[in-house]
Protein backbone atom coordinates (compact mmCIF):
# COMPACT_ATOMS: atom_id res chain seq x y z
CA MET A 1 9.34 -12.86 15.43
CA ASN A 2 12.32 -15.34 15.80
CA THR A 3 14.82 -17.88 14.08
CA THR A 4 17.13 -20.89 14.40
CA MET A 5 18.37 -24.03 12.98
CA MET A 6 15.94 -26.32 14.54
CA GLN A 7 16.48 -30.23 13.50
CA ALA A 8 13.27 -31.67 12.43
CA ASN A 9 12.64 -34.27 14.66
CA ASN A 10 9.00 -34.17 15.92
CA SER A 11 9.11 -37.35 17.69
CA ASN A 12 11.59 -36.02 20.08
CA LYS A 13 9.10 -35.32 23.52
CA VAL A 14 11.71 -32.49 24.64
CA TRP A 15 11.80 -30.87 21.55
CA ARG A 16 7.75 -31.18 21.32
CA GLY A 17 7.37 -30.09 25.27
CA ARG A 18 9.52 -27.15 24.05
CA LEU A 19 7.95 -25.93 21.12
CA LYS A 20 4.26 -26.12 22.59
CA ALA A 21 5.54 -23.61 25.34
CA MET A 22 7.00 -21.27 23.07
CA LEU A 23 3.70 -21.39 20.95
CA LEU A 24 1.82 -19.98 24.13
CA THR A 25 4.07 -16.70 24.12
CA VAL A 26 4.45 -15.68 20.82
CA THR A 27 2.40 -13.34 19.00
CA MET A 28 1.87 -14.96 15.78
CA THR A 29 0.40 -17.95 17.39
CA ALA A 30 -2.03 -19.99 14.73
CA THR A 31 -4.98 -19.36 17.50
CA VAL A 32 -5.05 -15.83 16.33
CA MET A 33 -7.18 -15.50 13.25
CA THR A 34 -8.35 -12.50 15.00
CA ALA A 35 13.09 -2.41 21.84
CA TRP A 36 21.22 2.37 20.67
CA LEU A 37 22.85 4.49 22.29
CA GLY A 38 26.41 6.79 23.75
CA PRO A 39 30.25 6.40 25.28
CA VAL A 40 29.42 4.25 28.41
CA SER A 41 27.73 6.90 30.67
CA SER A 42 27.96 9.35 27.59
CA VAL A 43 31.99 9.14 28.59
CA ARG A 44 34.30 6.80 27.58
CA ALA A 45 34.44 3.58 29.88
CA GLN A 46 37.60 3.41 31.97
CA SER A 47 40.18 0.98 30.59
CA ALA A 48 38.91 -2.41 31.72
CA THR A 49 41.15 -4.47 34.21
CA ALA A 50 41.60 -8.01 32.93
CA GLY A 51 39.23 -10.32 34.59
CA ALA A 52 36.44 -12.73 33.20
CA VAL A 53 32.59 -11.91 33.89
CA VAL A 54 30.83 -14.53 36.26
CA ALA A 55 27.39 -13.76 35.61
CA GLN A 56 24.67 -13.34 38.24
CA GLN A 57 21.27 -13.27 37.47
CA GLY A 58 22.11 -10.68 34.56
CA VAL A 59 23.00 -8.13 36.71
CA ALA A 60 26.09 -5.87 35.51
CA SER A 61 27.83 -6.17 39.07
CA ALA A 62 29.74 -9.11 38.08
CA GLN A 63 32.37 -11.03 40.11
CA GLN A 64 36.11 -10.50 38.78
CA VAL A 65 38.24 -13.15 38.55
CA THR A 66 42.06 -12.47 37.61
CA VAL A 67 42.95 -13.85 34.37
CA GLN A 68 46.24 -13.65 32.90
CA PRO A 69 45.85 -12.09 29.12
CA ALA A 70 47.57 -14.71 26.56
CA ALA A 71 50.09 -13.05 24.06
CA ALA A 72 48.99 -11.64 21.16
CA ASP A 73 50.67 -14.20 19.18
CA LYS A 74 49.14 -17.41 21.18
CA ALA A 75 45.61 -19.25 21.38
CA ARG A 76 43.85 -18.19 24.01
CA THR A 77 41.64 -20.09 26.57
CA TYR A 78 38.25 -19.27 27.32
CA PRO A 79 38.61 -17.21 30.23
CA GLN A 80 41.21 -15.10 28.50
CA ALA A 81 38.77 -14.80 25.67
CA MET A 82 36.33 -13.35 27.89
CA ALA A 83 38.80 -11.00 30.00
CA ASP A 84 39.50 -9.78 26.25
CA TRP A 85 35.66 -9.00 25.61
CA THR A 86 35.26 -7.37 28.68
CA SER A 87 38.07 -5.19 28.13
CA TRP A 88 36.87 -4.13 24.87
CA ILE A 89 33.40 -3.70 25.90
CA LYS A 90 34.56 -1.02 28.79
CA ASP A 91 36.16 0.59 26.23
CA ASN A 92 34.01 0.70 22.86
CA ALA A 93 30.52 0.52 24.14
CA TYR A 94 28.02 3.40 24.70
CA ALA A 95 25.46 4.11 27.27
CA LEU A 96 22.41 5.80 27.44
CA ASP A 97 21.55 8.70 29.80
CA SER A 98 17.89 7.64 30.06
CA ILE A 99 15.21 5.58 28.48
CA GLU A 100 12.47 7.89 29.12
CA PRO A 101 10.48 9.47 26.50
CA GLU A 102 11.23 13.26 26.19
CA LYS A 103 8.69 15.93 26.68
CA MET A 104 8.12 18.70 24.19
CA GLU A 105 9.08 22.15 25.37
CA PHE A 106 5.79 24.38 25.80
CA GLY A 107 5.15 26.50 23.14
CA SER A 108 8.08 25.37 20.79
CA GLY A 109 6.26 21.56 19.84
CA THR A 110 9.81 20.28 19.68
CA ILE A 111 11.93 18.78 22.20
CA ALA A 112 15.18 20.60 23.13
CA LYS A 113 18.10 19.19 21.16
CA LYS A 114 20.33 18.67 24.41
CA GLU A 115 17.90 16.05 25.43
CA PHE A 116 19.45 13.92 22.70
CA ASP A 117 22.76 14.37 23.49
CA ASP A 118 23.53 10.66 24.36
CA LEU A 119 22.13 9.59 21.18
CA GLN A 120 24.61 11.40 18.97
CA MET A 121 26.59 8.43 18.04
CA LEU A 122 23.87 6.96 16.22
CA LYS A 123 23.63 9.62 13.34
CA PRO A 124 27.16 8.69 11.44
CA LEU A 125 25.67 4.74 12.01
CA LEU A 126 22.43 5.83 10.40
CA GLN A 127 23.39 8.54 7.98
CA SER A 128 22.51 6.51 4.52
CA LYS A 129 20.06 4.14 6.24
CA ARG A 130 16.25 4.76 4.92
CA ILE A 131 14.91 1.87 7.61
CA VAL A 132 15.61 1.74 10.95
CA TYR A 133 14.37 -1.92 12.48
CA LEU A 134 13.73 -1.47 16.44
CA GLY A 135 13.49 -5.10 17.76
CA GLU A 136 12.49 -6.41 21.70
CA SER A 137 13.41 -10.06 22.61
CA THR A 138 9.97 -9.92 24.33
CA HIS A 139 6.53 -7.91 23.99
CA GLY A 140 6.28 -7.78 27.97
CA ALA A 141 9.24 -5.60 28.98
CA ALA A 142 8.17 -2.12 30.15
CA GLN A 143 11.59 -0.58 29.46
CA PHE A 144 11.54 -1.47 26.04
CA ASN A 145 8.12 0.55 25.45
CA SER A 146 9.62 3.82 27.22
CA VAL A 147 13.46 3.12 25.20
CA LYS A 148 11.81 2.61 21.83
CA THR A 149 9.48 5.42 22.32
CA ARG A 150 12.49 7.89 23.30
CA LEU A 151 14.75 6.50 20.37
CA ILE A 152 11.81 7.16 17.98
CA GLN A 153 11.32 10.72 18.91
CA PHE A 154 15.16 11.32 18.19
CA LEU A 155 14.83 9.23 14.75
CA HIS A 156 11.55 11.74 14.06
CA GLN A 157 12.75 15.10 15.05
CA GLU A 158 16.35 14.77 14.54
CA MET A 159 16.78 12.19 11.76
CA GLY A 160 13.70 13.18 9.70
CA TYR A 161 12.32 9.41 9.86
CA ASN A 162 8.50 10.33 9.58
CA ILE A 163 6.46 6.76 9.09
CA LEU A 164 6.35 4.63 12.16
CA ALA A 165 5.63 0.91 11.02
CA PHE A 166 4.18 -1.52 13.48
CA GLU A 167 3.86 -4.91 13.77
CA SER A 168 0.16 -4.58 13.64
CA GLY A 169 -2.72 -4.73 11.22
CA LEU A 170 -2.13 -2.62 8.35
CA GLY A 171 -5.81 -1.64 7.69
CA ASP A 172 -6.49 -1.07 11.54
CA VAL A 173 -3.25 0.95 12.06
CA ALA A 174 -4.47 3.16 8.94
CA ALA A 175 -7.74 3.61 10.50
CA ALA A 176 -6.54 4.68 13.64
CA GLN A 177 -4.03 7.42 11.84
CA GLY A 178 -6.98 8.78 10.09
CA LYS A 179 -8.73 9.75 13.49
CA LEU A 180 -5.85 10.28 15.64
CA THR A 181 -6.11 13.80 16.37
CA SER A 182 -10.11 13.21 17.17
CA GLY A 183 -9.84 10.81 19.64
CA THR A 184 -8.14 10.04 22.76
CA VAL A 185 -4.25 8.46 22.50
CA GLU A 186 -5.71 5.65 24.61
CA ALA A 187 -8.22 4.94 22.02
CA ALA A 188 -5.87 5.19 19.00
CA MET A 189 -3.28 2.90 20.84
CA LYS A 190 -6.33 0.34 21.47
CA GLN A 191 -7.44 0.71 17.60
CA SER A 192 -4.24 -0.06 16.09
CA ILE A 193 -1.63 -2.08 17.68
CA PHE A 194 -2.01 -5.43 19.22
CA PRO A 195 -3.02 -5.68 22.96
CA VAL A 196 0.56 -6.92 23.81
CA TRP A 197 1.65 -2.95 23.58
CA TRP A 198 -1.73 -1.49 25.40
CA THR A 199 0.61 -0.24 28.18
CA GLU A 200 1.08 2.78 30.27
CA GLU A 201 4.71 2.79 28.77
CA THR A 202 3.25 3.15 25.33
CA LEU A 203 0.82 5.75 25.67
CA PRO A 204 3.61 8.45 25.60
CA LEU A 205 4.42 7.39 21.89
CA PHE A 206 0.84 7.93 20.88
CA GLN A 207 0.64 11.41 22.74
CA TYR A 208 4.35 12.20 20.87
CA MET A 209 2.75 11.27 17.62
CA LYS A 210 -0.52 12.81 18.00
CA ASP A 211 1.16 16.21 19.27
CA THR A 212 3.31 16.27 15.83
CA GLN A 213 0.45 15.96 13.56
CA SER A 214 0.10 19.74 13.27
CA GLN A 215 3.82 19.77 12.50
CA LYS A 216 4.91 20.44 8.80
CA GLN A 217 6.49 16.73 9.26
CA PRO A 218 4.51 14.70 11.39
CA LEU A 219 5.30 11.24 13.06
CA ARG A 220 2.42 9.30 10.91
CA MET A 221 2.22 5.31 11.78
CA ALA A 222 1.34 2.65 9.38
CA GLY A 223 0.74 -1.48 9.75
CA PHE A 224 2.57 -4.16 8.09
CA ASP A 225 1.03 -6.96 9.73
CA MET A 226 -1.92 -9.21 8.24
CA GLN A 227 -3.21 -10.75 11.57
CA ASP A 228 -6.22 -9.20 12.72
CA TYR A 229 -8.66 -6.42 11.83
CA LYS A 230 -10.88 -3.93 13.50
CA PHE A 231 -11.70 -1.51 11.17
CA LYS A 232 -15.51 -0.87 10.22
CA VAL A 233 -16.40 -0.36 6.87
CA GLU A 234 -19.68 1.06 7.67
CA ASP A 235 -17.60 4.31 8.41
CA TRP A 236 -16.92 4.76 4.84
CA LEU A 237 -19.44 2.29 3.02
CA HIS A 238 -22.98 3.50 2.55
CA ASP A 239 -24.32 0.67 0.85
CA GLU A 240 -26.16 -0.90 3.92
CA ALA A 241 -26.97 -4.20 2.15
CA LEU A 242 -23.43 -4.61 1.29
CA VAL A 243 -22.52 -3.43 5.05
CA LYS A 244 -24.97 -6.21 6.23
CA GLU A 245 -23.38 -8.71 4.23
CA PHE A 246 -19.77 -8.02 5.04
CA ASN A 247 -20.63 -8.10 8.87
CA GLU A 248 -22.48 -11.33 8.25
CA ALA A 249 -19.46 -13.05 6.65
CA GLU A 250 -17.30 -11.35 9.32
CA LYS A 251 -19.39 -13.59 11.76
CA GLN A 252 -19.52 -16.80 9.96
CA LEU A 253 -15.96 -16.57 10.01
CA ARG A 254 -15.54 -16.03 13.51
CA GLU A 255 -18.20 -18.85 14.29
CA ALA A 256 -16.71 -21.35 11.95
CA GLY A 257 -13.29 -21.02 14.28
CA ASP A 258 -10.85 -23.99 14.18
CA ASP A 259 -13.55 -26.29 12.78
CA LEU A 260 -12.02 -27.03 9.54
CA LYS A 261 -15.11 -28.24 7.41
CA ALA A 262 -16.93 -25.63 8.82
CA TYR A 263 -14.34 -23.11 7.91
CA GLN A 264 -14.26 -24.14 4.32
CA LYS A 265 -17.87 -23.91 3.65
CA VAL A 266 -18.10 -20.31 4.80
CA LYS A 267 -14.89 -19.27 2.73
CA PRO A 268 -16.08 -19.10 -0.71
CA ASN A 269 -18.86 -16.74 0.28
CA ALA A 270 -16.74 -14.53 2.42
CA ILE A 271 -13.92 -14.39 -0.06
CA LYS A 272 -16.72 -12.79 -2.54
CA THR A 273 -18.16 -10.78 -0.46
CA PHE A 274 -14.69 -8.94 0.67
CA GLU A 275 -13.98 -8.61 -3.21
CA LYS A 276 -17.25 -6.75 -3.47
CA VAL A 277 -16.18 -4.13 -0.83
CA LYS A 278 -12.66 -3.75 -2.17
CA GLN A 279 -14.11 -2.84 -5.34
CA GLN A 280 -16.24 0.08 -3.60
CA VAL A 281 -13.10 1.50 -1.83
CA LYS A 282 -12.19 3.93 -4.93
CA PRO A 283 -15.41 5.14 -5.73
CA SER A 284 -15.85 5.79 -1.91
CA ALA A 285 -12.92 7.59 -1.89
CA GLU A 286 -14.44 11.18 -0.60
CA ARG A 287 -16.46 9.48 1.86
CA LEU A 288 -12.83 7.45 3.48
CA LYS A 289 -11.07 10.55 3.33
CA LYS A 290 -14.07 12.57 5.30
CA ALA A 291 -13.97 9.46 7.76
CA TYR A 292 -10.12 9.37 8.25
CA PRO A 293 -9.03 12.83 7.83
CA ASP A 294 -5.72 12.23 9.50
CA GLU A 295 -4.29 9.95 6.98
CA PRO A 296 -3.54 11.22 3.37
CA HIS A 297 -3.26 7.77 2.03
CA ILE A 298 -6.19 6.12 3.37
CA VAL A 299 -7.75 5.27 0.16
CA LYS A 300 -4.55 3.08 -1.12
CA LEU A 301 -4.37 1.78 2.25
CA MET A 302 -7.77 0.56 2.76
CA GLU A 303 -7.42 -1.03 -0.93
CA ARG A 304 -4.53 -2.65 0.18
CA ALA A 305 -5.99 -4.15 3.50
CA LEU A 306 -8.86 -5.71 1.92
CA LYS A 307 -6.62 -7.69 -0.70
CA VAL A 308 -4.65 -8.56 2.29
CA GLN A 309 -7.79 -9.80 4.22
CA ILE A 310 -8.98 -11.86 1.31
CA ASP A 311 -5.45 -13.79 0.81
CA VAL A 312 -5.43 -14.40 4.80
CA ILE A 313 -9.31 -15.99 3.90
CA ASN A 314 -8.09 -17.82 0.81
CA GLU A 315 -4.92 -18.97 2.18
CA TYR A 316 -3.57 -18.46 5.84
CA ASN A 317 -6.61 -19.05 7.61
CA GLU A 318 -6.94 -22.67 6.48
CA LEU A 319 -3.08 -23.35 6.98
CA SER A 320 -3.30 -22.20 10.40
CA ILE A 321 -6.36 -24.29 11.27
CA ARG A 322 -4.33 -27.24 9.69
CA GLY A 323 -1.45 -26.37 11.65
CA GLN A 324 -3.60 -26.70 15.07
CA VAL A 325 -4.75 -30.01 14.06
CA ASP A 326 -1.26 -31.25 13.15
CA ALA A 327 0.20 -30.18 16.29
CA THR A 328 -2.06 -31.78 18.46
CA GLN A 329 -0.51 -35.14 16.82
CA GLY A 330 3.00 -33.77 17.16
CA LYS A 331 3.57 -32.69 14.02
CA TYR A 332 4.72 -28.75 13.17
CA ASP A 333 5.46 -29.04 9.78
CA THR A 334 1.94 -26.95 8.75
CA MET A 335 1.92 -24.86 11.43
CA LEU A 336 5.73 -23.74 10.58
CA GLN A 337 4.33 -22.79 7.31
CA SER A 338 1.75 -20.94 8.55
CA PHE A 339 4.50 -18.69 10.52
CA ALA A 340 6.32 -18.47 7.25
CA TRP A 341 2.97 -17.40 5.49
CA ARG A 342 2.63 -14.46 7.83
CA ASP A 343 6.41 -12.89 7.60
CA LYS A 344 6.17 -13.43 3.62
CA MET A 345 2.93 -11.18 3.72
CA MET A 346 4.85 -8.87 6.21
CA ALA A 347 7.96 -8.07 4.22
CA ALA A 348 5.73 -7.66 1.32
CA ASN A 349 3.36 -5.27 3.07
CA LEU A 350 6.60 -3.40 4.34
CA VAL A 351 8.06 -3.38 0.37
CA TRP A 352 4.91 -2.07 -0.54
CA LEU A 353 4.70 0.89 2.17
CA ALA A 354 8.14 2.22 1.39
CA GLU A 355 7.65 1.93 -2.57
CA GLU A 356 3.63 2.83 -3.18
CA VAL A 357 2.39 4.65 0.08
CA TYR A 358 5.83 6.45 1.29
CA PRO A 359 8.57 6.54 -1.46
CA THR A 360 10.51 9.12 -0.48
CA GLU A 361 10.08 8.65 3.44
CA LYS A 362 12.55 7.13 5.85
CA ILE A 363 10.69 4.50 7.73
CA ILE A 364 11.02 2.89 11.65
CA VAL A 365 9.96 -0.44 12.34
CA TRP A 366 8.60 -1.73 15.55
CA ALA A 367 8.53 -5.53 15.85
CA HIS A 368 10.04 -8.70 17.50
CA ASN A 369 13.60 -9.43 17.29
CA ASP A 370 12.84 -12.82 15.46
CA HIS A 371 10.80 -10.96 12.67
CA ILE A 372 13.64 -8.12 12.31
CA ARG A 373 16.61 -10.49 12.25
CA LYS A 374 19.04 -10.74 8.97
CA ALA A 375 19.30 -14.38 8.97
CA HIS A 376 16.27 -15.90 11.35
CA SER A 377 16.55 -19.29 9.54
CA GLU A 378 20.66 -19.63 10.79
CA VAL A 379 19.51 -19.27 14.29
CA GLU A 380 20.08 -22.45 16.51
CA GLY A 381 18.06 -23.10 19.11
CA THR A 382 14.39 -21.04 18.19
CA PRO A 383 11.61 -23.55 17.22
CA PHE A 384 10.55 -21.02 14.45
CA THR A 385 13.01 -22.62 11.93
CA VAL A 386 11.80 -20.73 8.90
CA LYS A 387 12.90 -17.35 7.01
CA PHE A 388 11.05 -14.53 8.67
CA MET A 389 10.46 -10.80 7.71
CA GLY A 390 13.88 -9.42 7.83
CA GLU A 391 15.46 -12.60 5.94
CA LEU A 392 12.97 -11.97 3.06
CA MET A 393 13.58 -8.38 2.69
CA PRO A 394 15.30 -7.70 -0.97
CA GLU A 395 18.96 -7.00 -0.58
CA ASP A 396 18.73 -3.34 -1.47
CA TYR A 397 16.32 -2.89 1.81
CA LYS A 398 18.86 -4.82 3.58
CA LYS A 399 21.90 -2.44 2.50
CA TYR A 400 20.24 0.46 3.56
CA SER A 401 18.65 -0.57 6.82
CA TYR A 402 20.07 -0.70 10.41
CA VAL A 403 18.47 -3.49 12.61
CA LEU A 404 18.85 -2.70 16.30
CA GLY A 405 18.09 -5.74 18.41
CA LEU A 406 16.91 -5.23 22.26
CA TYR A 407 17.87 -7.39 25.01
CA MET A 408 17.52 -7.24 28.83
CA ALA A 409 20.04 -8.89 31.63
CA SER A 410 17.78 -9.55 34.51
CA GLY A 411 14.49 -8.96 35.92
CA GLU A 412 10.95 -9.67 35.32
CA THR A 413 9.20 -9.82 31.73
CA ALA A 414 5.46 -10.84 30.72
CA ASP A 415 4.36 -13.35 28.25
CA ASN A 416 1.79 -12.36 25.68
CA GLY A 417 -0.99 -13.43 28.16
CA GLY A 418 0.38 -10.93 30.47
CA ASN A 419 1.77 -13.49 33.22
CA LYS A 420 4.95 -12.57 34.63
CA LYS A 421 7.84 -14.20 34.79
CA ASP A 422 11.77 -13.91 35.96
CA VAL A 423 14.42 -13.41 33.42
CA VAL A 424 16.83 -16.34 33.61
CA LYS A 425 20.37 -15.85 34.73
CA PHE A 426 22.75 -15.60 32.32
CA GLU A 427 26.12 -17.84 31.51
CA PRO A 428 29.54 -16.49 31.73
CA GLY A 429 30.28 -15.78 27.89
CA SER A 430 26.79 -15.11 26.59
CA MET A 431 25.81 -11.77 24.79
CA GLU A 432 24.11 -10.61 27.99
CA SER A 433 27.24 -11.44 30.00
CA ILE A 434 29.46 -9.47 27.59
CA LEU A 435 27.49 -6.60 27.52
CA SER A 436 26.77 -6.51 31.17
CA ALA A 437 30.93 -5.87 31.70
CA SER A 438 30.02 -2.12 30.99
CA ASN A 439 28.48 -1.66 34.08
CA GLN A 440 25.76 0.50 32.73
CA PRO A 441 21.94 0.43 32.91
CA TYR A 442 21.56 0.94 29.10
CA THR A 443 24.33 -0.39 27.12
CA PHE A 444 24.49 -0.09 23.29
CA VAL A 445 27.34 -1.39 20.90
CA ASP A 446 27.50 -1.11 17.06
CA LEU A 447 28.27 -4.26 15.56
CA ARG A 448 28.05 -3.09 11.64
CA TYR A 449 30.72 -0.99 11.72
CA GLN A 450 33.48 -3.20 13.49
CA ARG A 451 36.39 -4.91 12.21
CA GLU A 452 37.50 -8.32 14.01
CA ALA A 453 40.09 -8.04 16.63
CA ARG A 454 41.00 -10.07 20.03
CA GLY A 455 38.51 -8.07 22.08
CA ASN A 456 35.28 -8.12 19.91
CA SER A 457 35.93 -11.80 18.50
CA TRP A 458 32.58 -12.73 20.20
CA MET A 459 30.31 -10.65 17.58
CA PHE A 460 32.10 -12.57 14.91
CA GLU A 461 31.16 -16.31 16.33
CA PRO A 462 28.34 -18.13 17.75
CA VAL A 463 27.42 -16.95 21.31
CA THR A 464 24.46 -17.40 23.21
CA THR A 465 21.94 -14.94 23.44
CA TYR A 466 18.18 -14.96 25.68
CA SER A 467 15.02 -14.99 23.11
CA TRP A 468 11.78 -13.95 25.81
CA GLY A 469 14.57 -13.94 28.53
CA SER A 470 14.16 -17.63 28.91
CA MET A 471 15.48 -19.29 25.87
CA PRO A 472 18.76 -19.79 24.66
CA GLU A 473 19.90 -19.42 21.40
CA SER A 474 23.19 -19.60 19.49
CA MET A 475 24.00 -17.02 16.73
CA ASN A 476 26.76 -15.05 15.05
CA VAL A 477 25.04 -11.81 16.34
CA ARG A 478 26.67 -9.57 13.65
CA GLU A 479 25.24 -11.69 11.02
CA GLN A 480 21.70 -11.03 12.63
CA TYR A 481 21.82 -7.21 13.89
CA ASP A 482 23.67 -3.99 13.32
CA GLY A 483 23.76 -3.16 16.50
CA ILE A 484 22.30 -4.36 20.18
CA LEU A 485 20.75 -2.66 23.18
CA LEU A 486 20.86 -4.15 26.42
CA ILE A 487 18.92 -3.14 29.34
CA ASP A 488 20.31 -4.13 32.76
CA LYS A 489 16.87 -4.46 34.44
CA VAL A 490 13.55 -4.80 33.06
CA LYS A 491 9.98 -5.06 34.64
CA ALA A 492 6.74 -5.93 33.16
CA PRO A 493 4.46 -3.37 31.63
CA LYS A 494 1.51 -1.85 33.39
CA TYR A 495 -1.38 -2.92 31.02
CA VAL A 496 -4.15 -0.82 29.73
CA LYS A 497 -7.26 -2.53 30.09
């Protein structure tokens, strides 16, 4: 999920309290073993009047303060710089007409091309990009789920991106894809992705995927995470004794929980059992294909999923338990190591999917901003001071990828437990305040293809942004993202229990 340059001072009480608070809000917490867009308003924004934005609760209606612009050959005051940034945003940002998912035309099985007119500026930006990352500064914003669904529809129908890779379990998503056409979209959602995205706003995405399965180029889902797994080996493994042994090993791992000694006791046998099941994947190829008919790569995916779980049992789980124990003593290095382990595995899984399973396909990635940033470890203010997935991807992948960060300016979000909280008021000069100068509800700005000028200097120097809608971070946004999408006001999702 996220990045920064944290000075390790575990004795500092302020830092310790902050980390503990953040550990409650991110999906990568150690307790689990088990969100582009057209000229502003689709039309070039009006010329900006010189003024500095004074932010109020992140709402785009900002109070204008008259500031005399500095001469081009002289240094600017900070208010003069903000006036230049405001003017540049109004001339160069793009707005979306809508963030709501589109509906397919009756009888055609496709969405009318005109429905994507406001997204056409994305095509030249993504011309050579094999992977498009769709981030989000929080998992708990309904508008992020909606706009990402619409973007995915556009990328699939208009640009040929046929694989959607979720920050969710590799085996779980593969199994859900395999049964996508035979069950309900709600069941597919719950069997594949993490509960933070089990929302009414996400269901249209799964309906869209299901509706495309009969097309020549369907949109298929995949997973690249190593946390949790819900797929059942009894769906394809006909060795009843081995199924019983596997289920018993799973039970023992669950019962061990956070007890390190108990975990170490059952770990060797669990690894042996998972290895035996993994060895039965290829001999069970026909049964796997019959059990999961909508996933043509199910054999390869299931074998990988079991391999990943063996690595998790052997290394990650114990590291995670140790991290929790150390954290109670104010020591966080081990916990950070477990976070780094997870993202290293996610990067490896994403590369494996791109090279071994879908070597000719273009891929959309759905994940938290922290996981997709290009240099997360250089972000200041994040408690997670390690390299995450985006930073760990091979350089060739970074070159042919586009990283879109999603942020919010105001409203209400939910944490990973569904608890609602207000988005904090942003500061003048923050990225959120600069983009809010567009005076539009949905604002996109490209960062990657900009040349530095007085009006866009903010993207070439450290600027404040807000992760989770509450935690200020400092970063050079152009070094972290290729584009930013700001949603002016968000609401907490409507969760599906």
